[in-house]
Amino acid sequence: MQRSRLVARALIPTAVLAGAVLVAGPASAHVEVESATPQALAVGAVVAFDAEGESSTAGITEVKVALPAGLTGSDVTLAEAPTGWAFAATADGYTVSGPALAPGTNAAYKIKVRQLPDAKELAFKSLVTYSDGQVDRWIEVPQNGSKPQHPAPVLTLTAAAPGATPLPAAGAASPSAAASASASPSAAASSPAAAPAPVPAAAPAEKKSSGGGTVVIAVIAAAAVLTGLLVWRRRAAR
């Protein structure tokens, strides 16, 4: 019996050590997501992300996100990011990138969503890139309560508020604007055509002055008189 107690005492430290290893395990980096208004169909919701910097020698330079169904890059704007970082929409989501952060520093940023989709959960699959080219792929979505090795950040939503409805797609014209736009062509068609501007009448041709003819007649008459006087003097001289 004494021997059994000695064996038990010898096994206790080993068990404790093994338990500590199981609890601690290898430190796993990840991306966390949260929102102050995690509700389906919430308008203008701000969603915060925190990508853990796991490298001790390189800093994070970019976080690339594939948006869940119901969201596009045009539905998202940057609300907050590390100094010098910028937002860019992509075909399936967006990127937030900039100068490399200090090694071990988390990349924390916030986006503003035009309207959250009508869903229970939103998975934001994320690729975290470091200055040395390393890429952490946090893209695995938990299935049936499983805990994947590289889980994507998932935002759980509450049910939509009573009466909440989806907004029109970004860039779509409002019904009233569309109605007024469609009415404009018909209005233009029904309005009478503008009368053409009157063509100014041609100015009447100026009459030729008769002054020139009068002068010619006077000269001819004077010449005739002078000729008559000369003829008369010659006859008188005979």
Protein backbone atom coordinates (compact mmCIF):
# COMPACT_ATOMS: atom_id res chain seq x y z
CA MET A 1 0.00 0.00 0.00
CA GLN A 2 2.87 2.27 0.79
CA ARG A 3 4.31 1.51 -2.59
CA SER A 4 1.04 2.51 -4.28
CA ARG A 5 1.08 5.84 -2.50
CA LEU A 6 4.63 6.47 -3.67
CA VAL A 7 3.69 5.71 -7.28
CA ALA A 8 0.65 8.00 -7.04
CA ARG A 9 2.76 10.83 -5.66
CA ALA A 10 5.25 10.36 -8.47
CA LEU A 11 2.51 10.51 -11.12
CA ILE A 12 0.85 13.70 -9.80
CA PRO A 13 3.52 16.17 -11.07
CA THR A 14 3.52 14.44 -14.44
CA ALA A 15 -0.24 14.70 -14.74
CA VAL A 16 -0.21 18.34 -13.72
CA LEU A 17 2.48 19.11 -16.29
CA ALA A 18 0.59 17.27 -19.01
CA GLY A 19 -2.59 19.15 -18.12
CA ALA A 20 -0.77 22.45 -18.31
CA VAL A 21 0.53 21.58 -21.75
CA LEU A 22 -2.96 20.63 -22.93
CA VAL A 23 -4.52 23.83 -21.58
CA ALA A 24 -1.85 26.18 -22.88
CA GLY A 25 -1.09 24.39 -26.13
CA PRO A 26 0.76 26.16 -28.93
CA ALA A 27 -0.21 29.85 -29.11
CA SER A 28 -2.39 30.27 -32.18
CA ALA A 29 -2.77 33.65 -33.85
CA HIS A 30 -6.21 34.62 -35.11
CA VAL A 31 -8.47 37.46 -36.24
CA GLU A 32 -11.24 38.65 -33.95
CA VAL A 33 -14.38 40.52 -35.03
CA GLU A 34 -17.03 42.40 -33.06
CA SER A 35 -19.66 45.11 -33.46
CA ALA A 36 -21.65 47.33 -31.12
CA THR A 37 -24.76 46.70 -33.29
CA PRO A 38 -24.56 43.05 -34.40
CA GLN A 39 -28.11 42.90 -35.75
CA ALA A 40 -29.40 41.67 -39.09
CA LEU A 41 -30.32 44.54 -41.46
CA ALA A 42 -28.66 47.10 -39.15
CA VAL A 43 -27.81 50.24 -41.14
CA GLY A 44 -24.41 51.94 -40.80
CA ALA A 45 -23.00 49.26 -38.46
CA VAL A 46 -19.35 49.64 -37.48
CA VAL A 47 -17.49 46.32 -37.43
CA ALA A 48 -14.10 46.09 -35.67
CA PHE A 49 -11.33 43.60 -36.52
CA ASP A 50 -8.16 42.69 -34.64
CA ALA A 51 -5.60 40.61 -36.56
CA GLU A 52 -3.02 39.21 -34.16
CA GLY A 53 0.64 39.82 -35.08
CA GLU A 54 2.28 36.46 -34.46
CA SER A 55 5.73 37.11 -35.95
CA SER A 56 8.58 38.35 -33.79
CA THR A 57 10.65 39.44 -36.82
CA ALA A 58 8.13 40.82 -39.34
CA GLY A 59 5.17 43.19 -39.16
CA ILE A 60 1.73 42.97 -40.75
CA THR A 61 1.40 44.94 -44.00
CA GLU A 62 -2.02 43.89 -45.27
CA VAL A 63 -5.30 42.26 -44.31
CA LYS A 64 -7.35 40.97 -47.24
CA VAL A 65 -10.97 40.02 -46.56
CA ALA A 66 -13.52 38.04 -48.57
CA LEU A 67 -16.91 39.43 -47.65
CA PRO A 68 -19.83 37.13 -46.78
CA ALA A 69 -22.85 36.71 -49.06
CA GLY A 70 -24.97 39.84 -49.21
CA LEU A 71 -22.05 42.29 -49.03
CA THR A 72 -19.78 43.78 -51.68
CA GLY A 73 -16.82 46.13 -51.53
CA SER A 74 -19.09 49.05 -52.44
CA ASP A 75 -21.09 48.43 -49.23
CA VAL A 76 -18.03 48.99 -47.04
CA THR A 77 -15.99 52.06 -46.09
CA LEU A 78 -12.98 52.37 -43.82
CA ALA A 79 -13.77 53.84 -40.40
CA GLU A 80 -10.42 53.41 -38.62
CA ALA A 81 -7.02 51.87 -39.40
CA PRO A 82 -3.33 52.02 -38.45
CA THR A 83 -1.53 55.22 -39.48
CA GLY A 84 -0.79 55.28 -43.20
CA TRP A 85 -3.08 52.37 -44.05
CA ALA A 86 -5.65 52.63 -46.85
CA PHE A 87 -8.78 50.80 -47.97
CA ALA A 88 -9.35 49.30 -51.43
CA ALA A 89 -12.36 47.35 -52.69
CA THR A 90 -11.70 44.06 -54.50
CA ALA A 91 -13.79 41.71 -56.62
CA ASP A 92 -14.92 39.71 -53.58
CA GLY A 93 -14.27 42.06 -50.67
CA TYR A 94 -11.56 44.54 -49.72
CA THR A 95 -8.00 45.04 -48.52
CA VAL A 96 -6.63 47.26 -45.76
CA SER A 97 -2.91 47.80 -46.12
CA GLY A 98 -0.03 50.16 -45.47
CA PRO A 99 3.42 50.45 -43.90
CA ALA A 100 4.55 47.40 -41.95
CA LEU A 101 3.56 47.43 -38.29
CA ALA A 102 6.10 46.65 -35.60
CA PRO A 103 6.71 42.90 -35.16
CA GLY A 104 4.20 41.42 -32.74
CA THR A 105 1.75 44.35 -33.18
CA ASN A 106 -1.87 43.55 -33.96
CA ALA A 107 -3.50 45.06 -37.05
CA ALA A 108 -6.65 46.64 -35.58
CA TYR A 109 -9.07 48.39 -37.91
CA LYS A 110 -12.77 49.18 -38.30
CA ILE A 111 -15.13 49.27 -41.26
CA LYS A 112 -18.57 50.83 -41.66
CA VAL A 113 -21.14 48.63 -43.39
CA ARG A 114 -23.96 50.24 -45.35
CA GLN A 115 -26.34 47.53 -44.12
CA LEU A 116 -25.68 44.14 -42.56
CA PRO A 117 -27.28 41.21 -44.42
CA ASP A 118 -30.29 39.34 -43.09
CA ALA A 119 -28.34 36.40 -41.70
CA LYS A 120 -27.48 34.68 -38.41
CA GLU A 121 -23.70 34.66 -38.89
CA LEU A 122 -21.22 36.48 -41.09
CA ALA A 123 -17.82 34.91 -41.83
CA PHE A 124 -15.09 37.36 -42.88
CA LYS A 125 -12.39 35.11 -44.35
CA SER A 126 -9.08 36.93 -43.88
CA LEU A 127 -5.55 36.68 -45.26
CA VAL A 128 -2.93 38.42 -43.09
CA THR A 129 0.30 39.29 -44.92
CA TYR A 130 3.62 40.12 -43.21
CA SER A 131 6.57 42.18 -44.41
CA ASP A 132 8.64 39.02 -44.97
CA GLY A 133 6.00 37.54 -47.30
CA GLN A 134 4.41 35.19 -44.77
CA VAL A 135 0.63 34.86 -45.15
CA ASP A 136 -1.69 33.62 -42.40
CA ARG A 137 -4.92 32.23 -43.89
CA TRP A 138 -7.83 32.61 -41.46
CA ILE A 139 -10.47 31.21 -43.79
CA GLU A 140 -11.90 28.05 -42.22
CA VAL A 141 -15.54 28.26 -41.17
CA PRO A 142 -16.57 26.09 -38.17
CA GLN A 143 -18.89 23.23 -39.15
CA ASN A 144 -21.21 21.42 -36.72
CA GLY A 145 -19.48 22.84 -33.66
CA SER A 146 -15.98 21.92 -34.87
CA LYS A 147 -12.98 24.10 -34.03
CA PRO A 148 -10.78 24.47 -37.12
CA GLN A 149 -7.08 25.21 -36.90
CA HIS A 150 -7.33 28.45 -38.87
CA PRO A 151 -10.83 29.80 -38.12
CA ALA A 152 -12.26 32.71 -40.04
CA PRO A 153 -13.59 35.55 -37.87
CA VAL A 154 -17.35 35.06 -37.52
CA LEU A 155 -19.80 37.77 -36.39
CA THR A 156 -23.01 36.42 -34.84
CA LEU A 157 -26.09 38.56 -35.55
CA THR A 158 -29.35 38.92 -33.66
CA ALA A 159 -32.68 38.92 -35.50
CA ALA A 160 -33.61 41.98 -37.54
CA ALA A 161 -35.67 44.70 -35.89
CA PRO A 162 -39.42 44.61 -36.61
CA GLY A 163 -40.16 46.35 -39.90
CA ALA A 164 -36.52 46.43 -41.02
CA THR A 165 -36.14 45.99 -44.77
CA PRO A 166 -33.15 45.67 -47.11
CA LEU A 167 -31.93 48.91 -48.66
CA PRO A 168 -31.80 49.25 -52.46
CA ALA A 169 -28.57 48.02 -53.99
CA ALA A 170 -25.74 50.53 -53.86
CA GLY A 171 -25.89 52.82 -56.89
CA ALA A 172 -29.50 51.92 -57.77
CA ALA A 173 -31.79 54.86 -58.55
CA SER A 174 -34.66 55.48 -56.16
CA PRO A 175 -38.20 54.76 -57.48
CA SER A 176 -39.13 58.45 -57.45
CA ALA A 177 -35.97 59.38 -59.33
CA ALA A 178 -36.60 56.62 -61.86
CA ALA A 179 -40.21 57.77 -62.30
CA SER A 180 -39.21 61.37 -62.89
CA ALA A 181 -36.49 60.26 -65.30
CA SER A 182 -38.97 58.18 -67.31
CA ALA A 183 -41.48 61.07 -67.32
CA SER A 184 -39.01 63.53 -68.76
CA PRO A 185 -38.84 62.03 -72.31
CA SER A 186 -42.65 61.90 -72.64
CA ALA A 187 -42.93 65.47 -71.41
CA ALA A 188 -40.36 66.54 -73.94
CA ALA A 189 -42.22 64.62 -76.68
CA SER A 190 -45.60 66.18 -75.81
CA SER A 191 -44.31 69.73 -75.64
CA PRO A 192 -44.64 71.67 -78.93
CA ALA A 193 -41.46 72.10 -80.89
CA ALA A 194 -39.91 75.45 -80.46
CA ALA A 195 -40.67 77.76 -83.36
CA PRO A 196 -37.61 78.46 -85.47
CA ALA A 197 -36.18 81.90 -85.12
CA PRO A 198 -37.51 84.24 -87.84
CA VAL A 199 -35.11 84.75 -90.70
CA PRO A 200 -34.40 88.45 -91.08
CA ALA A 201 -35.66 89.80 -94.38
CA ALA A 202 -33.02 90.70 -96.86
CA ALA A 203 -32.34 94.38 -96.98
CA PRO A 204 -33.79 95.99 -100.10
CA ALA A 205 -31.29 96.60 -102.78
CA GLU A 206 -30.16 100.17 -102.87
CA LYS A 207 -31.29 102.16 -105.82
CA LYS A 208 -28.58 103.32 -108.03
CA SER A 209 -28.07 107.01 -107.76
CA SER A 210 -29.16 108.95 -110.82
CA GLY A 211 -26.69 111.69 -110.12
CA GLY A 212 -24.19 110.26 -112.61
CA GLY A 213 -26.67 110.38 -115.53
CA THR A 214 -27.62 113.98 -114.80
CA VAL A 215 -24.00 115.13 -114.95
CA VAL A 216 -23.46 113.42 -118.30
CA ILE A 217 -26.55 115.10 -119.80
CA ALA A 218 -25.41 118.51 -118.54
CA VAL A 219 -21.98 118.07 -120.13
CA ILE A 220 -23.53 117.04 -123.46
CA ALA A 221 -25.87 120.04 -123.39
CA ALA A 222 -23.02 122.45 -122.64
CA ALA A 223 -20.96 121.00 -125.47
CA ALA A 224 -23.87 121.41 -127.86
CA VAL A 225 -24.35 125.07 -126.85
CA LEU A 226 -20.63 125.73 -127.23
CA THR A 227 -20.61 124.10 -130.67
CA GLY A 228 -23.58 126.23 -131.72
CA LEU A 229 -21.84 129.43 -130.65
CA LEU A 230 -18.73 128.54 -132.59
CA VAL A 231 -20.73 127.84 -135.72
CA TRP A 232 -22.61 131.14 -135.32
CA ARG A 233 -19.38 133.17 -134.95
CA ARG A 234 -17.90 131.62 -138.06
CA ARG A 235 -20.92 132.51 -140.10
CA ALA A 236 -20.97 136.06 -138.70
CA ALA A 237 -17.33 136.51 -139.59
CA ARG A 238 -18.04 135.75 -143.27
